[in-house]
C-alpha atoms as a PDB file:
ATOM      1  CA  MET A   1       0.029   0.245   0.028  1.00  0.00           C
ATOM      2  CA  GLU A   2       1.532   3.450  -0.910  1.00  0.00           C
ATOM      3  CA  MET A   3       1.904   5.998   1.673  1.00  0.00           C
ATOM      4  CA  ILE A   4      -1.306   8.087   2.804  1.00  0.00           C
ATOM      5  CA  PRO A   5      -0.378  11.796   2.986  1.00  0.00           C
ATOM      6  CA  THR A   6      -0.276  13.150   6.243  1.00  0.00           C
ATOM      7  CA  ASP A   7      -3.065  16.034   5.779  1.00  0.00           C
ATOM      8  CA  VAL A   8      -5.589  13.151   4.370  1.00  0.00           C
ATOM      9  CA  VAL A   9      -5.070  11.133   7.639  1.00  0.00           C
ATOM     10  CA  ARG A  10      -5.140  14.161   9.754  1.00  0.00           C
ATOM     11  CA  GLN A  11      -8.545  15.038   8.389  1.00  0.00           C
ATOM     12  CA  ALA A  12      -9.796  11.483   8.570  1.00  0.00           C
ATOM     13  CA  MET A  13      -8.700  11.663  12.055  1.00  0.00           C
ATOM     14  CA  VAL A  14     -10.673  14.876  13.074  1.00  0.00           C
ATOM     15  CA  GLU A  15     -13.540  13.818  10.924  1.00  0.00           C
ATOM     16  CA  THR A  16     -13.666  10.122  12.840  1.00  0.00           C
ATOM     17  CA  ILE A  17     -13.913  11.582  16.047  1.00  0.00           C
ATOM     18  CA  GLU A  18     -16.076  14.585  15.446  1.00  0.00           C
ATOM     19  CA  GLU A  19     -18.860  12.038  14.213  1.00  0.00           C
ATOM     20  CA  ILE A  20     -18.337   9.563  16.803  1.00  0.00           C
ATOM     21  CA  PHE A  21     -18.467  11.897  19.882  1.00  0.00           C
ATOM     22  CA  GLU A  22     -21.339  13.763  18.127  1.00  0.00           C
ATOM     23  CA  SER A  23     -23.408  10.581  17.472  1.00  0.00           C
ATOM     24  CA  MET A  24     -22.426   8.181  20.261  1.00  0.00           C
ATOM     25  CA  MET A  25     -21.506  10.685  23.050  1.00  0.00           C
ATOM     26  CA  PHE A  26     -23.937  13.807  22.538  1.00  0.00           C
ATOM     27  CA  MET A  27     -20.481  15.827  22.962  1.00  0.00           C
ATOM     28  CA  ASP A  28     -18.415  18.162  20.874  1.00  0.00           C
ATOM     29  CA  ALA A  29     -15.097  17.286  19.788  1.00  0.00           C
ATOM     30  CA  ILE A  30     -12.904  19.782  18.333  1.00  0.00           C
ATOM     31  CA  ALA A  31      -9.403  19.261  17.060  1.00  0.00           C
ATOM     32  CA  LEU A  32      -6.858  21.630  18.446  1.00  0.00           C
ATOM     33  CA  GLU A  33      -4.426  23.324  15.855  1.00  0.00           C
ATOM     34  CA  LYS A  34      -1.571  22.056  17.967  1.00  0.00           C
ATOM     35  CA  ASN A  35      -0.935  18.897  19.918  1.00  0.00           C
ATOM     36  CA  VAL A  36      -1.179  19.296  23.605  1.00  0.00           C
ATOM     37  CA  THR A  37       0.052  17.322  26.556  1.00  0.00           C
ATOM     38  CA  ILE A  38      -2.731  15.375  28.408  1.00  0.00           C
ATOM     39  CA  GLU A  39      -2.948  14.236  31.665  1.00  0.00           C
ATOM     40  CA  SER A  40      -3.896  10.485  30.644  1.00  0.00           C
ATOM     41  CA  ASN A  41      -4.919   8.012  32.928  1.00  0.00           C
ATOM     42  CA  TYR A  42      -6.359   5.597  30.026  1.00  0.00           C
ATOM     43  CA  MET A  43      -3.931   4.773  27.062  1.00  0.00           C
ATOM     44  CA  VAL A  44      -5.882   2.275  24.916  1.00  0.00           C
ATOM     45  CA  ARG A  45      -3.719   0.798  21.583  1.00  0.00           C
ATOM     46  CA  MET A  46      -4.975  -1.446  18.976  1.00  0.00           C
ATOM     47  CA  LEU A  47      -2.545  -2.837  16.348  1.00  0.00           C
ATOM     48  CA  ILE A  48      -3.220  -2.549  12.564  1.00  0.00           C
ATOM     49  CA  ASN A  49      -2.446  -5.825  11.110  1.00  0.00           C
ATOM     50  CA  HIS A  50      -3.302  -5.267   7.378  1.00  0.00           C
ATOM     51  CA  PRO A  51      -2.781  -3.741   4.921  1.00  0.00           C
ATOM     52  CA  PHE A  52       0.150  -1.984   6.619  1.00  0.00           C
ATOM     53  CA  PRO A  53       1.623  -2.433   9.888  1.00  0.00           C
ATOM     54  CA  GLY A  54       0.698   0.147  12.642  1.00  0.00           C
ATOM     55  CA  GLU A  55      -1.235   1.070  15.760  1.00  0.00           C
ATOM     56  CA  ILE A  56      -3.806   3.529  16.871  1.00  0.00           C
ATOM     57  CA  VAL A  57      -3.465   4.912  20.405  1.00  0.00           C
ATOM     58  CA  VAL A  58      -5.908   6.629  22.016  1.00  0.00           C
ATOM     59  CA  LYS A  59      -5.298   8.801  25.188  1.00  0.00           C
ATOM     60  CA  LEU A  60      -8.037   9.965  27.566  1.00  0.00           C
ATOM     61  CA  ASN A  61      -8.535  10.879  31.140  1.00  0.00           C
ATOM     62  CA  GLU A  62     -11.023   9.668  33.766  1.00  0.00           C
ATOM     63  CA  ASP A  63     -12.951  12.717  33.791  1.00  0.00           C
ATOM     64  CA  LEU A  64     -13.504  12.117  29.976  1.00  0.00           C
ATOM     65  CA  LEU A  65     -14.436   8.371  30.576  1.00  0.00           C
ATOM     66  CA  ILE A  66     -16.704   9.264  33.674  1.00  0.00           C
ATOM     67  CA  ARG A  67     -18.355  11.820  31.279  1.00  0.00           C
ATOM     68  CA  MET A  68     -18.898   9.555  28.582  1.00  0.00           C
ATOM     69  CA  SER A  69     -20.287   6.707  30.889  1.00  0.00           C
ATOM     70  CA  SER A  70     -22.921   9.157  31.892  1.00  0.00           C
ATOM     71  CA  ASN A  71     -23.998  10.299  28.524  1.00  0.00           C
ATOM     72  CA  LEU A  72     -23.887   6.656  27.130  1.00  0.00           C
ATOM     73  CA  TYR A  73     -25.112   4.527  29.933  1.00  0.00           C
ATOM     74  CA  LEU A  74     -27.118   7.027  31.855  1.00  0.00           C
ATOM     75  CA  LEU A  75     -25.162   6.026  35.173  1.00  0.00           C
ATOM     76  CA  GLU A  76     -24.431   8.367  38.033  1.00  0.00           C
ATOM     77  CA  ASP A  77     -20.866   8.995  38.734  1.00  0.00           C
ATOM     78  CA  ASP A  78     -20.695   6.652  41.823  1.00  0.00           C
ATOM     79  CA  GLU A  79     -22.241   4.004  39.556  1.00  0.00           C
ATOM     80  CA  ILE A  80     -19.156   3.994  37.145  1.00  0.00           C
ATOM     81  CA  SER A  81     -16.934   1.284  38.258  1.00  0.00           C
ATOM     82  CA  GLU A  82     -13.093   0.892  37.223  1.00  0.00           C
ATOM     83  CA  LYS A  83     -14.488  -2.226  34.612  1.00  0.00           C
ATOM     84  CA  VAL A  84     -17.296   0.516  33.473  1.00  0.00           C
ATOM     85  CA  LYS A  85     -14.565   2.771  32.486  1.00  0.00           C
ATOM     86  CA  ASN A  86     -12.012   0.117  31.218  1.00  0.00           C
ATOM     87  CA  ASP A  87     -14.746  -1.304  28.773  1.00  0.00           C
ATOM     88  CA  LEU A  88     -15.723   1.793  27.749  1.00  0.00           C
ATOM     89  CA  ALA A  89     -12.312   2.939  26.689  1.00  0.00           C
ATOM     90  CA  TYR A  90     -11.821  -0.236  25.100  1.00  0.00           C
ATOM     91  CA  GLU A  91     -14.915   0.103  23.146  1.00  0.00           C
ATOM     92  CA  ILE A  92     -14.304   3.807  21.822  1.00  0.00           C
ATOM     93  CA  THR A  93     -10.693   2.937  20.709  1.00  0.00           C
ATOM     94  CA  ASN A  94     -11.973  -0.094  18.618  1.00  0.00           C
ATOM     95  CA  THR A  95     -15.065   2.344  16.897  1.00  0.00           C
ATOM     96  CA  ILE A  96     -12.214   4.933  16.364  1.00  0.00           C
ATOM     97  CA  ALA A  97      -9.929   2.561  14.783  1.00  0.00           C
ATOM     98  CA  GLY A  98     -12.708   0.825  12.554  1.00  0.00           C
ATOM     99  CA  LYS A  99     -14.100   4.295  11.349  1.00  0.00           C
ATOM    100  CA  LEU A 100     -10.623   5.529  10.759  1.00  0.00           C
ATOM    101  CA  MET A 101      -9.442   2.569   8.881  1.00  0.00           C
ATOM    102  CA  ASP A 102     -12.929   2.710   7.009  1.00  0.00           C
ATOM    103  CA  LYS A 103     -11.752   6.071   5.752  1.00  0.00           C
ATOM    104  CA  LEU A 104      -8.189   5.559   5.156  1.00  0.00           C
ATOM    105  CA  VAL A 105      -8.393   2.249   3.209  1.00  0.00           C
ATOM    106  CA  PRO A 106      -9.983   2.122  -0.375  1.00  0.00           C
ATOM    107  CA  GLU A 107     -13.296   0.464  -0.446  1.00  0.00           C
ATOM    108  CA  THR A 108     -11.842  -1.903  -2.812  1.00  0.00           C
ATOM    109  CA  SER A 109      -9.710  -3.371   0.223  1.00  0.00           C
ATOM    110  CA  THR A 110     -10.124  -4.505   3.690  1.00  0.00           C
ATOM    111  CA  PHE A 111      -8.173  -4.088   6.887  1.00  0.00           C
ATOM    112  CA  LYS A 112      -7.745  -6.241   9.784  1.00  0.00           C
ATOM    113  CA  LEU A 113      -7.246  -5.030  13.466  1.00  0.00           C
ATOM    114  CA  GLY A 114      -6.051  -6.700  16.543  1.00  0.00           C
ATOM    115  CA  LEU A 115      -7.972  -6.146  19.970  1.00  0.00           C
ATOM    116  CA  PRO A 116      -7.912  -2.982  21.988  1.00  0.00           C
ATOM    117  CA  GLU A 117      -5.699  -3.279  25.064  1.00  0.00           C
ATOM    118  CA  MET A 118      -4.517  -0.867  27.863  1.00  0.00           C
ATOM    119  CA  THR A 119      -0.940   0.167  27.617  1.00  0.00           C
ATOM    120  CA  ASP A 120       1.749   2.482  28.884  1.00  0.00           C
ATOM    121  CA  SER A 121       3.788   2.099  25.640  1.00  0.00           C
ATOM    122  CA  VAL A 122       3.823   2.209  22.043  1.00  0.00           C
ATOM    123  CA  PHE A 123       5.218  -0.670  19.391  1.00  0.00           C
ATOM    124  CA  ILE A 124       6.192   1.941  16.934  1.00  0.00           C
ATOM    125  CA  GLU A 125       8.299   4.483  18.046  1.00  0.00           C
ATOM    126  CA  ASP A 126       9.550   6.200  14.943  1.00  0.00           C
ATOM    127  CA  ASP A 127       7.989   9.944  15.341  1.00  0.00           C
ATOM    128  CA  SER A 128       8.314  10.264  11.450  1.00  0.00           C
ATOM    129  CA  ASP A 129       5.346   7.804  11.168  1.00  0.00           C
ATOM    130  CA  ASN A 130       3.370   9.321  13.922  1.00  0.00           C
ATOM    131  CA  ILE A 131       0.443  11.615  13.259  1.00  0.00           C
ATOM    132  CA  SER A 132      -0.996  12.885  16.479  1.00  0.00           C
ATOM    133  CA  VAL A 133      -4.084  15.134  16.480  1.00  0.00           C
ATOM    134  CA  SER A 134      -5.248  16.569  20.165  1.00  0.00           C
ATOM    135  CA  PHE A 135      -9.274  17.498  20.672  1.00  0.00           C
ATOM    136  CA  VAL A 136     -11.197  19.533  23.478  1.00  0.00           C
ATOM    137  CA  VAL A 137     -14.265  17.763  23.852  1.00  0.00           C
ATOM    138  CA  ASP A 138     -17.055  19.853  25.549  1.00  0.00           C
ATOM    139  CA  ASP A 139     -14.738  22.891  26.217  1.00  0.00           C
ATOM    140  CA  GLU A 140     -13.468  21.005  29.214  1.00  0.00           C
ATOM    141  CA  TYR A 141     -11.872  17.613  28.588  1.00  0.00           C
ATOM    142  CA  TYR A 142      -8.908  16.294  26.324  1.00  0.00           C
ATOM    143  CA  LEU A 143      -8.464  13.582  24.173  1.00  0.00           C
ATOM    144  CA  LYS A 144      -5.487  12.437  21.835  1.00  0.00           C
ATOM    145  CA  ILE A 145      -5.056  10.373  19.022  1.00  0.00           C
ATOM    146  CA  HIS A 146      -2.111   8.801  17.500  1.00  0.00           C
ATOM    147  CA  LEU A 147      -1.645   6.825  14.277  1.00  0.00           C
ATOM    148  CA  TYR A 148       1.649   4.829  14.086  1.00  0.00           C
ATOM    149  CA  MET A 149       1.978   3.497  10.442  1.00  0.00           C
ATOM    150  CA  SER A 150       4.879   1.734   8.741  1.00  0.00           C
ATOM    151  CA  ILE A 151       4.523   1.951   5.214  1.00  0.00           C
END
């Protein structure tokens, strides 16, 4: 597969996050011009196995996960367990990865992803193949998505 231009990947990342947060979470996610460092309690990665090796990493903090859980499952803050937060972190990463790859891979091709997993590191460390976008969600929460590609 040939290299996907950075601006195409970035636009696909922005559209994916905006669509997911608006339709699933009933929240506004706005891409920031510059990447920001966020305090991340949760970092979930999902390997890309085909059509190119890579990984998608989603970083989000506990406050955002609590708000998302409340919106999605109609739970009060004290009803949101660690299991609920972890499951939602996995589910949102799975959804982001699937929708993002659907935008990046031609309709005539397929893609294969691994399973989401909590992590504190990434497999692909080469920053030249790393595209990151930071988002502010509902004007108070932050989310960051990274796409590491080896093409």
